[in-house]
Amino acid sequence: MTPVTLLLKFGSVGLVAFALLVATWAALADSASPFWRYWHRYCTFLERKLRLLHNFTPGRHIAVGQIGAMVLILAIHVAIGFEGWWIALFVAAYAPSRYIERKRQERVAQIEDQLDGFLTALANALKATPSVSNSFISIQPLLPYPISQEVDLAVKEMRVGSTLDQALLNLGGRVSSRQLDSALCAILIGRQLGGDLPKILETTANTMRDMLRLEGVVKSKTAEGKAQMYVLAVFPFAFAVVMNWMQPGFYDPLREPIAGWAIAAFAGVTWLASILMARKILSVDI
């Protein structure tokens, strides 16, 4: 390679790097740029998810950590030629928000498992005092985590001036659970319409207990089918890789201009249709 060619090569690389540096500086210097709008939106998204877990870590701390991890991955790739760098970049960009959402779902599942005990405790407290607000205050120390944390926040809202109805609506909005919404509706409707509220709550608790048992049976029955679906979804690709490794060129006939591509497209469409149908059948919502 001649010196002129080397000069042109490194000069072009330097110009590209300088252009990227200028573009990055322009994006960071303008507080109204799309970069900063997306940054604030993403940080707000993370903080909103964390608040549902009663975690008040600033979202920008997590976002800065993600950027640092991605820069480190790129540096390792440039230094030693890391093969799976793009997979690591995807994990660094996607994993934190997914982890937070998974923890939120686990928290909601725990609260749903504790609803029957919560309603039973509230019904027993109402037998001693007719005030729903006082009953909430009395049972809060007796409830297990995490539903005790949500009830404690509702009690604090009532102490600073919120009505019981508004505190319960806020509770339902924070957790975002259909079963919890049903339990709170039973409390609000029974309180407004009158009647034997402890009996209503005990009946609701028994119904929810039966629903949880039925949901557990359905999940156990569909778990095997979902496992088979995952195996069948991965099997064609694993089989293709093994066959091509054992007999190189085994799939060369599929590279024919018309017939091979038609067969491959038909196989791909039928595979995708079968996976979608299996997901639809196994997605049982009770």
Foldseek 3Di string as FASTA:
>chain_A
DDPVVVCVVVVVVVVVVVVVVVVVVVQVVDCPHPVNVVLVVQQVVVCLLVVLVVHRDGSVVLVVVLVVQLVVLVVCCVPPNDPCSVVSNVCSVPVPVVVSVVVLVVQLVVVLVQLLVVLLQLLVLCVVPVDSLVSLVVCLVVGDPPVSVLSVVLNVVVVVPDDNLVSLVVSCVSSVDPLSVVLSVLVVVCVVVDDSSSVSSNVSSVVSVVVVVVVVVLCVVLVVLVVVLVCLLCVVVVVVVVVCVVPPPPLVVLPPPPPSVVVVVVVVVVSVVVSVVSCVVSPDDD
